[in-house]
PDB file of N, CA and C in Angstrom:
ATOM      1  N   MET A   1     -69.429   4.331   0.457  1.00  0.00           N
ATOM      2  CA  MET A   1     -70.393   3.400  -0.074  1.00  0.00           C
ATOM      3  C   MET A   1     -70.072   2.016   0.473  1.00  0.00           C
ATOM      4  N   SER A   2     -71.071   1.342   0.972  1.00  0.00           N
ATOM      5  CA  SER A   2     -70.833   0.037   1.577  1.00  0.00           C
ATOM      6  C   SER A   2     -70.876  -1.072   0.531  1.00  0.00           C
ATOM      7  N   ARG A   3     -70.417  -2.224   0.953  1.00  0.00           N
ATOM      8  CA  ARG A   3     -70.362  -3.377   0.062  1.00  0.00           C
ATOM      9  C   ARG A   3     -71.767  -3.925  -0.182  1.00  0.00           C
ATOM     10  N   SER A   4     -72.023  -4.373  -1.401  1.00  0.00           N
ATOM     11  CA  SER A   4     -73.325  -4.919  -1.764  1.00  0.00           C
ATOM     12  C   SER A   4     -73.603  -6.203  -0.984  1.00  0.00           C
ATOM     13  N   LEU A   5     -74.827  -6.358  -0.509  1.00  0.00           N
ATOM     14  CA  LEU A   5     -75.181  -7.542   0.272  1.00  0.00           C
ATOM     15  C   LEU A   5     -75.161  -8.810  -0.569  1.00  0.00           C
ATOM     16  N   LYS A   6     -75.436  -8.688  -1.863  1.00  0.00           N
ATOM     17  CA  LYS A   6     -75.450  -9.887  -2.700  1.00  0.00           C
ATOM     18  C   LYS A   6     -74.049 -10.462  -2.899  1.00  0.00           C
ATOM     19  N   LYS A   7     -73.026  -9.646  -2.697  1.00  0.00           N
ATOM     20  CA  LYS A   7     -71.651 -10.141  -2.821  1.00  0.00           C
ATOM     21  C   LYS A   7     -71.222 -10.929  -1.593  1.00  0.00           C
ATOM     22  N   GLY A   8     -71.794 -10.626  -0.455  1.00  0.00           N
ATOM     23  CA  GLY A   8     -71.412 -11.314   0.774  1.00  0.00           C
ATOM     24  C   GLY A   8     -70.194 -10.678   1.418  1.00  0.00           C
ATOM     25  N   LEU A   9     -69.809 -11.211   2.570  1.00  0.00           N
ATOM     26  CA  LEU A   9     -68.667 -10.690   3.308  1.00  0.00           C
ATOM     27  C   LEU A   9     -67.378 -11.292   2.782  1.00  0.00           C
ATOM     28  N   TYR A  10     -66.298 -10.517   2.854  1.00  0.00           N
ATOM     29  CA  TYR A  10     -64.999 -11.018   2.402  1.00  0.00           C
ATOM     30  C   TYR A  10     -64.309 -11.744   3.549  1.00  0.00           C
ATOM     31  N   VAL A  11     -64.081 -13.024   3.358  1.00  0.00           N
ATOM     32  CA  VAL A  11     -63.301 -13.818   4.301  1.00  0.00           C
ATOM     33  C   VAL A  11     -62.189 -14.465   3.495  1.00  0.00           C
ATOM     34  N   ASP A  12     -60.951 -14.190   3.883  1.00  0.00           N
ATOM     35  CA  ASP A  12     -59.788 -14.708   3.168  1.00  0.00           C
ATOM     36  C   ASP A  12     -59.780 -16.234   3.252  1.00  0.00           C
ATOM     37  N   PRO A  13     -59.737 -16.935   2.115  1.00  0.00           N
ATOM     38  CA  PRO A  13     -59.767 -18.406   2.143  1.00  0.00           C
ATOM     39  C   PRO A  13     -58.574 -19.019   2.872  1.00  0.00           C
ATOM     40  N   ARG A  14     -57.415 -18.365   2.813  1.00  0.00           N
ATOM     41  CA  ARG A  14     -56.239 -18.897   3.525  1.00  0.00           C
ATOM     42  C   ARG A  14     -56.433 -18.825   5.032  1.00  0.00           C
ATOM     43  N   VAL A  15     -57.088 -17.756   5.489  1.00  0.00           N
ATOM     44  CA  VAL A  15     -57.359 -17.630   6.922  1.00  0.00           C
ATOM     45  C   VAL A  15     -58.358 -18.697   7.351  1.00  0.00           C
ATOM     46  N   LEU A  16     -59.368 -18.959   6.514  1.00  0.00           N
ATOM     47  CA  LEU A  16     -60.346 -20.002   6.846  1.00  0.00           C
ATOM     48  C   LEU A  16     -59.692 -21.379   6.941  1.00  0.00           C
ATOM     49  N   GLU A  17     -58.736 -21.666   6.048  1.00  0.00           N
ATOM     50  CA  GLU A  17     -58.015 -22.943   6.110  1.00  0.00           C
ATOM     51  C   GLU A  17     -57.255 -23.060   7.425  1.00  0.00           C
ATOM     52  N   LYS A  18     -56.587 -21.983   7.811  1.00  0.00           N
ATOM     53  CA  LYS A  18     -55.823 -21.999   9.058  1.00  0.00           C
ATOM     54  C   LYS A  18     -56.739 -22.143  10.268  1.00  0.00           C
ATOM     55  N   VAL A  19     -57.920 -21.518  10.221  1.00  0.00           N
ATOM     56  CA  VAL A  19     -58.889 -21.635  11.313  1.00  0.00           C
ATOM     57  C   VAL A  19     -59.349 -23.082  11.443  1.00  0.00           C
ATOM     58  N   ALA A  20     -59.621 -23.729  10.309  1.00  0.00           N
ATOM     59  CA  ALA A  20     -60.053 -25.130  10.338  1.00  0.00           C
ATOM     60  C   ALA A  20     -58.962 -26.022  10.927  1.00  0.00           C
ATOM     61  N   LYS A  21     -57.696 -25.774  10.567  1.00  0.00           N
ATOM     62  CA  LYS A  21     -56.589 -26.572  11.105  1.00  0.00           C
ATOM     63  C   LYS A  21     -56.464 -26.403  12.614  1.00  0.00           C
ATOM     64  N   VAL A  22     -56.594 -25.171  13.084  1.00  0.00           N
ATOM     65  CA  VAL A  22     -56.470 -24.913  14.521  1.00  0.00           C
ATOM     66  C   VAL A  22     -57.626 -25.552  15.280  1.00  0.00           C
ATOM     67  N   LYS A  23     -58.835 -25.472  14.731  1.00  0.00           N
ATOM     68  CA  LYS A  23     -59.995 -26.075  15.402  1.00  0.00           C
ATOM     69  C   LYS A  23     -59.867 -27.595  15.464  1.00  0.00           C
ATOM     70  N   ASN A  24     -59.369 -28.218  14.377  1.00  0.00           N
ATOM     71  CA  ASN A  24     -59.206 -29.674  14.360  1.00  0.00           C
ATOM     72  C   ASN A  24     -58.096 -30.123  15.302  1.00  0.00           C
ATOM     73  N   ALA A  25     -57.041 -29.321  15.425  1.00  0.00           N
ATOM     74  CA  ALA A  25     -55.918 -29.678  16.292  1.00  0.00           C
ATOM     75  C   ALA A  25     -56.292 -29.514  17.763  1.00  0.00           C
ATOM     76  N   GLY A  26     -57.235 -28.649  18.056  1.00  0.00           N
ATOM     77  CA  GLY A  26     -57.646 -28.445  19.435  1.00  0.00           C
ATOM     78  C   GLY A  26     -56.743 -27.495  20.206  1.00  0.00           C
ATOM     79  N   LYS A  27     -55.706 -26.991  19.569  1.00  0.00           N
ATOM     80  CA  LYS A  27     -54.803 -26.046  20.222  1.00  0.00           C
ATOM     81  C   LYS A  27     -55.251 -24.626  19.878  1.00  0.00           C
ATOM     82  N   ASN A  28     -55.046 -23.727  20.823  1.00  0.00           N
ATOM     83  CA  ASN A  28     -55.357 -22.324  20.541  1.00  0.00           C
ATOM     84  C   ASN A  28     -54.067 -21.603  20.180  1.00  0.00           C
ATOM     85  N   GLN A  29     -53.435 -22.075  19.116  1.00  0.00           N
ATOM     86  CA  GLN A  29     -52.206 -21.463  18.625  1.00  0.00           C
ATOM     87  C   GLN A  29     -52.585 -20.233  17.802  1.00  0.00           C
ATOM     88  N   PRO A  30     -51.924 -19.088  18.027  1.00  0.00           N
ATOM     89  CA  PRO A  30     -52.291 -17.887  17.269  1.00  0.00           C
ATOM     90  C   PRO A  30     -52.049 -18.048  15.773  1.00  0.00           C
ATOM     91  N   ILE A  31     -52.933 -17.456  14.984  1.00  0.00           N
ATOM     92  CA  ILE A  31     -52.828 -17.494  13.526  1.00  0.00           C
ATOM     93  C   ILE A  31     -52.255 -16.163  13.069  1.00  0.00           C
ATOM     94  N   LYS A  32     -51.097 -16.206  12.432  1.00  0.00           N
ATOM     95  CA  LYS A  32     -50.437 -14.990  11.948  1.00  0.00           C
ATOM     96  C   LYS A  32     -51.021 -14.632  10.585  1.00  0.00           C
ATOM     97  N   THR A  33     -51.463 -13.378  10.440  1.00  0.00           N
ATOM     98  CA  THR A  33     -52.067 -12.972   9.181  1.00  0.00           C
ATOM     99  C   THR A  33     -51.743 -11.516   8.852  1.00  0.00           C
ATOM    100  N   TRP A  34     -51.657 -11.269   7.573  1.00  0.00           N
ATOM    101  CA  TRP A  34     -51.499  -9.917   7.049  1.00  0.00           C
ATOM    102  C   TRP A  34     -52.825  -9.428   6.471  1.00  0.00           C
ATOM    103  N   SER A  35     -53.837 -10.283   6.473  1.00  0.00           N
ATOM    104  CA  SER A  35     -55.124  -9.972   5.862  1.00  0.00           C
ATOM    105  C   SER A  35     -55.983  -9.163   6.830  1.00  0.00           C
ATOM    106  N   ARG A  36     -55.790  -7.860   6.829  1.00  0.00           N
ATOM    107  CA  ARG A  36     -56.534  -6.977   7.719  1.00  0.00           C
ATOM    108  C   ARG A  36     -57.976  -6.781   7.244  1.00  0.00           C
ATOM    109  N   ALA A  37     -58.225  -7.034   5.957  1.00  0.00           N
ATOM    110  CA  ALA A  37     -59.552  -6.822   5.382  1.00  0.00           C
ATOM    111  C   ALA A  37     -60.489  -8.000   5.619  1.00  0.00           C
ATOM    112  N   CYS A  38     -59.976  -9.085   6.151  1.00  0.00           N
ATOM    113  CA  CYS A  38     -60.772 -10.291   6.383  1.00  0.00           C
ATOM    114  C   CYS A  38     -61.814 -10.023   7.470  1.00  0.00           C
ATOM    115  N   VAL A  39     -63.077 -10.386   7.190  1.00  0.00           N
ATOM    116  CA  VAL A  39     -64.163 -10.189   8.144  1.00  0.00           C
ATOM    117  C   VAL A  39     -64.187 -11.360   9.120  1.00  0.00           C
ATOM    118  N   ILE A  40     -64.404 -11.064  10.397  1.00  0.00           N
ATOM    119  CA  ILE A  40     -64.473 -12.106  11.424  1.00  0.00           C
ATOM    120  C   ILE A  40     -65.818 -12.808  11.299  1.00  0.00           C
ATOM    121  N   SER A  41     -65.771 -14.117  11.087  1.00  0.00           N
ATOM    122  CA  SER A  41     -66.985 -14.919  10.948  1.00  0.00           C
ATOM    123  C   SER A  41     -67.216 -15.700  12.247  1.00  0.00           C
ATOM    124  N   PRO A  42     -68.396 -16.285  12.430  1.00  0.00           N
ATOM    125  CA  PRO A  42     -68.678 -17.020  13.666  1.00  0.00           C
ATOM    126  C   PRO A  42     -67.734 -18.204  13.917  1.00  0.00           C
ATOM    127  N   GLU A  43     -67.151 -18.785  12.856  1.00  0.00           N
ATOM    128  CA  GLU A  43     -66.218 -19.903  13.048  1.00  0.00           C
ATOM    129  C   GLU A  43     -64.935 -19.454  13.735  1.00  0.00           C
ATOM    130  N   MET A  44     -64.637 -18.162  13.664  1.00  0.00           N
ATOM    131  CA  MET A  44     -63.375 -17.635  14.189  1.00  0.00           C
ATOM    132  C   MET A  44     -63.452 -17.244  15.664  1.00  0.00           C
ATOM    133  N   VAL A  45     -64.629 -17.322  16.267  1.00  0.00           N
ATOM    134  CA  VAL A  45     -64.790 -16.903  17.661  1.00  0.00           C
ATOM    135  C   VAL A  45     -63.965 -17.811  18.565  1.00  0.00           C
ATOM    136  N   GLY A  46     -63.202 -17.187  19.455  1.00  0.00           N
ATOM    137  CA  GLY A  46     -62.378 -17.931  20.403  1.00  0.00           C
ATOM    138  C   GLY A  46     -60.971 -18.205  19.920  1.00  0.00           C
ATOM    139  N   ILE A  47     -60.628 -17.769  18.730  1.00  0.00           N
ATOM    140  CA  ILE A  47     -59.298 -18.009  18.163  1.00  0.00           C
ATOM    141  C   ILE A  47     -58.482 -16.724  18.258  1.00  0.00           C
ATOM    142  N   THR A  48     -57.202 -16.877  18.551  1.00  0.00           N
ATOM    143  CA  THR A  48     -56.304 -15.731  18.632  1.00  0.00           C
ATOM    144  C   THR A  48     -55.626 -15.521  17.288  1.00  0.00           C
ATOM    145  N   PHE A  49     -55.624 -14.276  16.823  1.00  0.00           N
ATOM    146  CA  PHE A  49     -54.970 -13.910  15.574  1.00  0.00           C
ATOM    147  C   PHE A  49     -53.822 -12.966  15.881  1.00  0.00           C
ATOM    148  N   LEU A  50     -52.776 -13.058  15.095  1.00  0.00           N
ATOM    149  CA  LEU A  50     -51.689 -12.085  15.131  1.00  0.00           C
ATOM    150  C   LEU A  50     -51.842 -11.242  13.872  1.00  0.00           C
ATOM    151  N   VAL A  51     -52.400 -10.041  14.017  1.00  0.00           N
ATOM    152  CA  VAL A  51     -52.729  -9.190  12.876  1.00  0.00           C
ATOM    153  C   VAL A  51     -51.616  -8.167  12.685  1.00  0.00           C
ATOM    154  N   HIS A  52     -51.122  -8.069  11.451  1.00  0.00           N
ATOM    155  CA  HIS A  52     -50.021  -7.162  11.133  1.00  0.00           C
ATOM    156  C   HIS A  52     -50.534  -5.735  11.052  1.00  0.00           C
ATOM    157  N   ASN A  53     -49.832  -4.803  11.691  1.00  0.00           N
ATOM    158  CA  ASN A  53     -50.251  -3.404  11.646  1.00  0.00           C
ATOM    159  C   ASN A  53     -49.304  -2.550  10.814  1.00  0.00           C
ATOM    160  N   GLY A  54     -48.431  -3.179  10.048  1.00  0.00           N
ATOM    161  CA  GLY A  54     -47.469  -2.458   9.233  1.00  0.00           C
ATOM    162  C   GLY A  54     -46.075  -2.538   9.794  1.00  0.00           C
ATOM    163  N   LYS A  55     -45.969  -2.812  11.084  1.00  0.00           N
ATOM    164  CA  LYS A  55     -44.667  -2.920  11.733  1.00  0.00           C
ATOM    165  C   LYS A  55     -44.579  -4.174  12.590  1.00  0.00           C
ATOM    166  N   ASP A  56     -45.579  -4.394  13.437  1.00  0.00           N
ATOM    167  CA  ASP A  56     -45.591  -5.513  14.376  1.00  0.00           C
ATOM    168  C   ASP A  56     -46.859  -6.333  14.178  1.00  0.00           C
ATOM    169  N   PHE A  57     -46.930  -7.442  14.904  1.00  0.00           N
ATOM    170  CA  PHE A  57     -48.136  -8.253  14.924  1.00  0.00           C
ATOM    171  C   PHE A  57     -48.818  -8.037  16.269  1.00  0.00           C
ATOM    172  N   ILE A  58     -50.101  -7.704  16.234  1.00  0.00           N
ATOM    173  CA  ILE A  58     -50.877  -7.411  17.430  1.00  0.00           C
ATOM    174  C   ILE A  58     -51.785  -8.603  17.725  1.00  0.00           C
ATOM    175  N   ASN A  59     -51.840  -9.039  18.992  1.00  0.00           N
ATOM    176  CA  ASN A  59     -52.723 -10.131  19.395  1.00  0.00           C
ATOM    177  C   ASN A  59     -54.174  -9.662  19.371  1.00  0.00           C
ATOM    178  N   VAL A  60     -55.024 -10.431  18.697  1.00  0.00           N
ATOM    179  CA  VAL A  60     -56.456 -10.142  18.646  1.00  0.00           C
ATOM    180  C   VAL A  60     -57.190 -11.441  18.946  1.00  0.00           C
ATOM    181  N   LEU A  61     -57.938 -11.467  20.049  1.00  0.00           N
ATOM    182  CA  LEU A  61     -58.751 -12.624  20.403  1.00  0.00           C
ATOM    183  C   LEU A  61     -60.167 -12.350  19.914  1.00  0.00           C
ATOM    184  N   ALA A  62     -60.662 -13.168  18.994  1.00  0.00           N
ATOM    185  CA  ALA A  62     -61.976 -12.945  18.385  1.00  0.00           C
ATOM    186  C   ALA A  62     -63.085 -13.298  19.374  1.00  0.00           C
ATOM    187  N   ASP A  63     -63.958 -12.338  19.658  1.00  0.00           N
ATOM    188  CA  ASP A  63     -65.115 -12.518  20.533  1.00  0.00           C
ATOM    189  C   ASP A  63     -66.386 -12.535  19.701  1.00  0.00           C
ATOM    190  N   GLU A  64     -67.501 -12.834  20.368  1.00  0.00           N
ATOM    191  CA  GLU A  64     -68.793 -12.815  19.678  1.00  0.00           C
ATOM    192  C   GLU A  64     -69.156 -11.399  19.234  1.00  0.00           C
ATOM    193  N   ASN A  65     -68.720 -10.405  19.993  1.00  0.00           N
ATOM    194  CA  ASN A  65     -69.045  -9.014  19.653  1.00  0.00           C
ATOM    195  C   ASN A  65     -68.300  -8.542  18.413  1.00  0.00           C
ATOM    196  N   MET A  66     -67.235  -9.232  18.034  1.00  0.00           N
ATOM    197  CA  MET A  66     -66.410  -8.821  16.898  1.00  0.00           C
ATOM    198  C   MET A  66     -66.900  -9.386  15.569  1.00  0.00           C
ATOM    199  N   VAL A  67     -67.851 -10.295  15.591  1.00  0.00           N
ATOM    200  CA  VAL A  67     -68.331 -10.925  14.357  1.00  0.00           C
ATOM    201  C   VAL A  67     -68.920  -9.850  13.448  1.00  0.00           C
ATOM    202  N   GLY A  68     -68.484  -9.854  12.188  1.00  0.00           N
ATOM    203  CA  GLY A  68     -68.938  -8.866  11.219  1.00  0.00           C
ATOM    204  C   GLY A  68     -67.976  -7.709  11.049  1.00  0.00           C
ATOM    205  N   HIS A  69     -67.029  -7.587  11.974  1.00  0.00           N
ATOM    206  CA  HIS A  69     -66.015  -6.536  11.856  1.00  0.00           C
ATOM    207  C   HIS A  69     -64.772  -7.116  11.194  1.00  0.00           C
ATOM    208  N   ARG A  70     -63.891  -6.253  10.748  1.00  0.00           N
ATOM    209  CA  ARG A  70     -62.669  -6.697  10.079  1.00  0.00           C
ATOM    210  C   ARG A  70     -61.536  -6.831  11.088  1.00  0.00           C
ATOM    211  N   LEU A  71     -60.591  -7.716  10.784  1.00  0.00           N
ATOM    212  CA  LEU A  71     -59.459  -7.939  11.683  1.00  0.00           C
ATOM    213  C   LEU A  71     -58.639  -6.665  11.877  1.00  0.00           C
ATOM    214  N   GLY A  72     -58.514  -5.873  10.834  1.00  0.00           N
ATOM    215  CA  GLY A  72     -57.709  -4.664  10.902  1.00  0.00           C
ATOM    216  C   GLY A  72     -58.247  -3.604  11.846  1.00  0.00           C
ATOM    217  N   GLU A  73     -59.527  -3.693  12.192  1.00  0.00           N
ATOM    218  CA  GLU A  73     -60.108  -2.711  13.098  1.00  0.00           C
ATOM    219  C   GLU A  73     -59.535  -2.828  14.502  1.00  0.00           C
ATOM    220  N   PHE A  74     -58.983  -3.981  14.829  1.00  0.00           N
ATOM    221  CA  PHE A  74     -58.527  -4.243  16.186  1.00  0.00           C
ATOM    222  C   PHE A  74     -57.014  -4.198  16.325  1.00  0.00           C
ATOM    223  N   SER A  75     -56.314  -3.788  15.274  1.00  0.00           N
ATOM    224  CA  SER A  75     -54.861  -3.590  15.377  1.00  0.00           C
ATOM    225  C   SER A  75     -54.533  -2.216  14.803  1.00  0.00           C
ATOM    226  N   PRO A  76     -54.439  -1.217  15.669  1.00  0.00           N
ATOM    227  CA  PRO A  76     -54.211   0.147  15.196  1.00  0.00           C
ATOM    228  C   PRO A  76     -52.871   0.293  14.488  1.00  0.00           C
ATOM    229  N   THR A  77     -52.874   1.091  13.430  1.00  0.00           N
ATOM    230  CA  THR A  77     -51.665   1.266  12.627  1.00  0.00           C
ATOM    231  C   THR A  77     -50.894   2.512  13.019  1.00  0.00           C
ATOM    232  N   ARG A  78     -51.521   3.392  13.762  1.00  0.00           N
ATOM    233  CA  ARG A  78     -50.866   4.646  14.118  1.00  0.00           C
ATOM    234  C   ARG A  78     -50.664   4.727  15.620  1.00  0.00           C
ATOM    235  N   LYS A  79     -49.520   5.264  15.993  1.00  0.00           N
ATOM    236  CA  LYS A  79     -49.180   5.416  17.403  1.00  0.00           C
ATOM    237  C   LYS A  79     -49.384   6.873  17.773  1.00  0.00           C
ATOM    238  N   PHE A  80     -50.135   7.123  18.845  1.00  0.00           N
ATOM    239  CA  PHE A  80     -50.352   8.498  19.273  1.00  0.00           C
ATOM    240  C   PHE A  80     -49.096   9.001  19.962  1.00  0.00           C
ATOM    241  N   VAL A  81     -48.573  10.097  19.452  1.00  0.00           N
ATOM    242  CA  VAL A  81     -47.398  10.722  20.036  1.00  0.00           C
ATOM    243  C   VAL A  81     -47.864  11.993  20.720  1.00  0.00           C
ATOM    244  N   ARG A  82     -47.518  12.114  21.981  1.00  0.00           N
ATOM    245  CA  ARG A  82     -47.948  13.255  22.768  1.00  0.00           C
ATOM    246  C   ARG A  82     -47.315  14.535  22.237  1.00  0.00           C
ATOM    247  N   HIS A  83     -48.095  15.599  22.178  1.00  0.00           N
ATOM    248  CA  HIS A  83     -47.589  16.882  21.716  1.00  0.00           C
ATOM    249  C   HIS A  83     -46.810  17.561  22.830  1.00  0.00           C
ATOM    250  N   GLY A  84     -45.967  18.488  22.442  1.00  0.00           N
ATOM    251  CA  GLY A  84     -45.257  19.282  23.429  1.00  0.00           C
ATOM    252  C   GLY A  84     -43.800  18.900  23.510  1.00  0.00           C
ATOM    253  N   GLY A  85     -43.146  19.416  24.476  1.00  0.00           N
ATOM    254  CA  GLY A  85     -41.728  19.158  24.677  1.00  0.00           C
ATOM    255  C   GLY A  85     -41.365  19.605  26.067  1.00  0.00           C
ATOM    256  N   LYS A  86     -40.393  20.491  26.152  1.00  0.00           N
ATOM    257  CA  LYS A  86     -39.912  20.962  27.445  1.00  0.00           C
ATOM    258  C   LYS A  86     -41.018  21.713  28.198  1.00  0.00           C
ATOM    259  N   MET A  87     -41.749  22.555  27.480  1.00  0.00           N
ATOM    260  CA  MET A  87     -42.793  23.354  28.117  1.00  0.00           C
ATOM    261  C   MET A  87     -43.932  22.466  28.638  1.00  0.00           C
ATOM    262  N   ALA A  88     -44.313  21.459  27.870  1.00  0.00           N
ATOM    263  CA  ALA A  88     -45.387  20.559  28.286  1.00  0.00           C
ATOM    264  C   ALA A  88     -44.969  19.762  29.517  1.00  0.00           C
ATOM    265  N   LYS A  89     -43.701  19.349  29.582  1.00  0.00           N
ATOM    266  CA  LYS A  89     -43.213  18.604  30.748  1.00  0.00           C
ATOM    267  C   LYS A  89     -43.234  19.479  32.002  1.00  0.00           C
ATOM    268  N   GLU A  90     -42.870  20.762  31.850  1.00  0.00           N
ATOM    269  CA  GLU A  90     -42.898  21.678  32.990  1.00  0.00           C
ATOM    270  C   GLU A  90     -44.323  21.866  33.498  1.00  0.00           C
ATOM    271  N   GLN A  91     -45.274  22.032  32.582  1.00  0.00           N
ATOM    272  CA  GLN A  91     -46.670  22.213  32.981  1.00  0.00           C
ATOM    273  C   GLN A  91     -47.206  20.959  33.650  1.00  0.00           C
ATOM    274  N   GLU A  92     -46.837  19.807  33.121  1.00  0.00           N
ATOM    275  CA  GLU A  92     -47.282  18.542  33.689  1.00  0.00           C
ATOM    276  C   GLU A  92     -46.719  18.368  35.100  1.00  0.00           C
ATOM    277  N   GLY A  93     -45.445  18.715  35.278  1.00  0.00           N
ATOM    278  CA  GLY A  93     -44.820  18.619  36.594  1.00  0.00           C
ATOM    279  C   GLY A  93     -45.449  19.574  37.589  1.00  0.00           C
ATOM    280  N   ALA A  94     -45.772  20.791  37.145  1.00  0.00           N
ATOM    281  CA  ALA A  94     -46.406  21.773  38.023  1.00  0.00           C
ATOM    282  C   ALA A  94     -47.798  21.311  38.430  1.00  0.00           C
ATOM    283  N   ALA A  95     -48.530  20.726  37.508  1.00  0.00           N
ATOM    284  CA  ALA A  95     -49.874  20.237  37.814  1.00  0.00           C
ATOM    285  C   ALA A  95     -49.809  19.079  38.804  1.00  0.00           C
ATOM    286  N   ALA A  96     -48.814  18.216  38.651  1.00  0.00           N
ATOM    287  CA  ALA A  96     -48.668  17.085  39.563  1.00  0.00           C
ATOM    288  C   ALA A  96     -48.290  17.570  40.956  1.00  0.00           C
ATOM    289  N   ALA A  97     -47.410  18.561  41.037  1.00  0.00           N
ATOM    290  CA  ALA A  97     -46.994  19.096  42.333  1.00  0.00           C
ATOM    291  C   ALA A  97     -48.153  19.812  43.016  1.00  0.00           C
ATOM    292  N   LYS A  98     -48.957  20.503  42.245  1.00  0.00           N
ATOM    293  CA  LYS A  98     -50.090  21.238  42.803  1.00  0.00           C
ATOM    294  C   LYS A  98     -51.144  20.275  43.351  1.00  0.00           C
ATOM    295  N   GLY A  99     -51.406  19.221  42.614  1.00  0.00           N
ATOM    296  CA  GLY A  99     -52.418  18.251  43.038  1.00  0.00           C
ATOM    297  C   GLY A  99     -51.941  17.381  44.186  1.00  0.00           C
ATOM    298  N   ALA A 100     -50.643  17.143  44.297  1.00  0.00           N
ATOM    299  CA  ALA A 100     -50.109  16.248  45.317  1.00  0.00           C
ATOM    300  C   ALA A 100     -49.655  16.994  46.564  1.00  0.00           C
ATOM    301  N   ALA A 101     -49.770  18.317  46.581  1.00  0.00           N
ATOM    302  CA  ALA A 101     -49.325  19.090  47.746  1.00  0.00           C
ATOM    303  C   ALA A 101     -50.199  18.761  48.946  1.00  0.00           C
ATOM    304  N   PRO A 102     -49.571  18.518  50.102  1.00  0.00           N
ATOM    305  CA  PRO A 102     -50.369  18.195  51.289  1.00  0.00           C
ATOM    306  C   PRO A 102     -51.133  19.424  51.765  1.00  0.00           C
ATOM    307  N   ALA A 103     -52.271  19.192  52.337  1.00  0.00           N
ATOM    308  CA  ALA A 103     -53.082  20.291  52.848  1.00  0.00           C
ATOM    309  C   ALA A 103     -52.399  20.877  54.077  1.00  0.00           C
ATOM    310  N   ALA A 104     -52.510  22.188  54.236  1.00  0.00           N
ATOM    311  CA  ALA A 104     -51.901  22.850  55.390  1.00  0.00           C
ATOM    312  C   ALA A 104     -52.661  22.452  56.648  1.00  0.00           C
ATOM    313  N   PRO A 105     -51.929  22.173  57.734  1.00  0.00           N
ATOM    314  CA  PRO A 105     -52.626  21.788  58.973  1.00  0.00           C
ATOM    315  C   PRO A 105     -53.437  22.969  59.506  1.00  0.00           C
ATOM    316  N   VAL A 106     -54.617  22.683  59.958  1.00  0.00           N
ATOM    317  CA  VAL A 106     -55.502  23.716  60.487  1.00  0.00           C
ATOM    318  C   VAL A 106     -55.429  23.666  62.006  1.00  0.00           C
ATOM    319  N   ALA A 107     -55.194  24.815  62.608  1.00  0.00           N
ATOM    320  CA  ALA A 107     -55.117  24.876  64.073  1.00  0.00           C
ATOM    321  C   ALA A 107     -56.522  24.751  64.647  1.00  0.00           C
ATOM    322  N   PRO A 108     -56.660  23.996  65.736  1.00  0.00           N
ATOM    323  CA  PRO A 108     -57.994  23.875  66.341  1.00  0.00           C
ATOM    324  C   PRO A 108     -58.455  25.224  66.912  1.00  0.00           C
ATOM    325  N   ALA A 109     -59.734  25.451  66.855  1.00  0.00           N
ATOM    326  CA  ALA A 109     -60.292  26.704  67.362  1.00  0.00           C
ATOM    327  C   ALA A 109     -60.162  26.745  68.880  1.00  0.00           C
ATOM    328  N   LYS A 110     -59.868  27.936  69.438  1.00  0.00           N
ATOM    329  CA  LYS A 110     -59.717  28.096  70.887  1.00  0.00           C
ATOM    330  C   LYS A 110     -61.091  28.167  71.534  1.00  0.00           C
ATOM    331  N   LYS A 111     -61.187  27.563  72.716  1.00  0.00           N
ATOM    332  CA  LYS A 111     -62.442  27.606  73.468  1.00  0.00           C
ATOM    333  C   LYS A 111     -62.446  28.841  74.357  1.00  0.00           C
ATOM    334  N   LYS A 112     -63.607  29.395  74.579  1.00  0.00           N
ATOM    335  CA  LYS A 112     -63.731  30.581  75.428  1.00  0.00           C
ATOM    336  C   LYS A 112     -63.991  30.236  76.846  1.00  0.00           C
TER     337      LYS A 112
END
């Protein structure tokens, strides 16, 4: 169920204060935030955020295309770990060797 339109978008007031300070200072210093639920508003376009993903802070540069989305959408919280082990490495190596094998030289056809 989506948020009611009469309530408006959630923008963290502390983040808005920091955005105003950065805009007034004229520096594009990254804003460190833990507020992943904060919606990107038009005032935030062009500002770099350091969004916490549970372990690290991920750089997020707010673009015009990001307006209306939440900051947390752009800092993934899960790391994809490749499946497999010894067997997967062997298959990967065999596939690489097969694809990288040089073509056998073809002897020119004899003329009659």
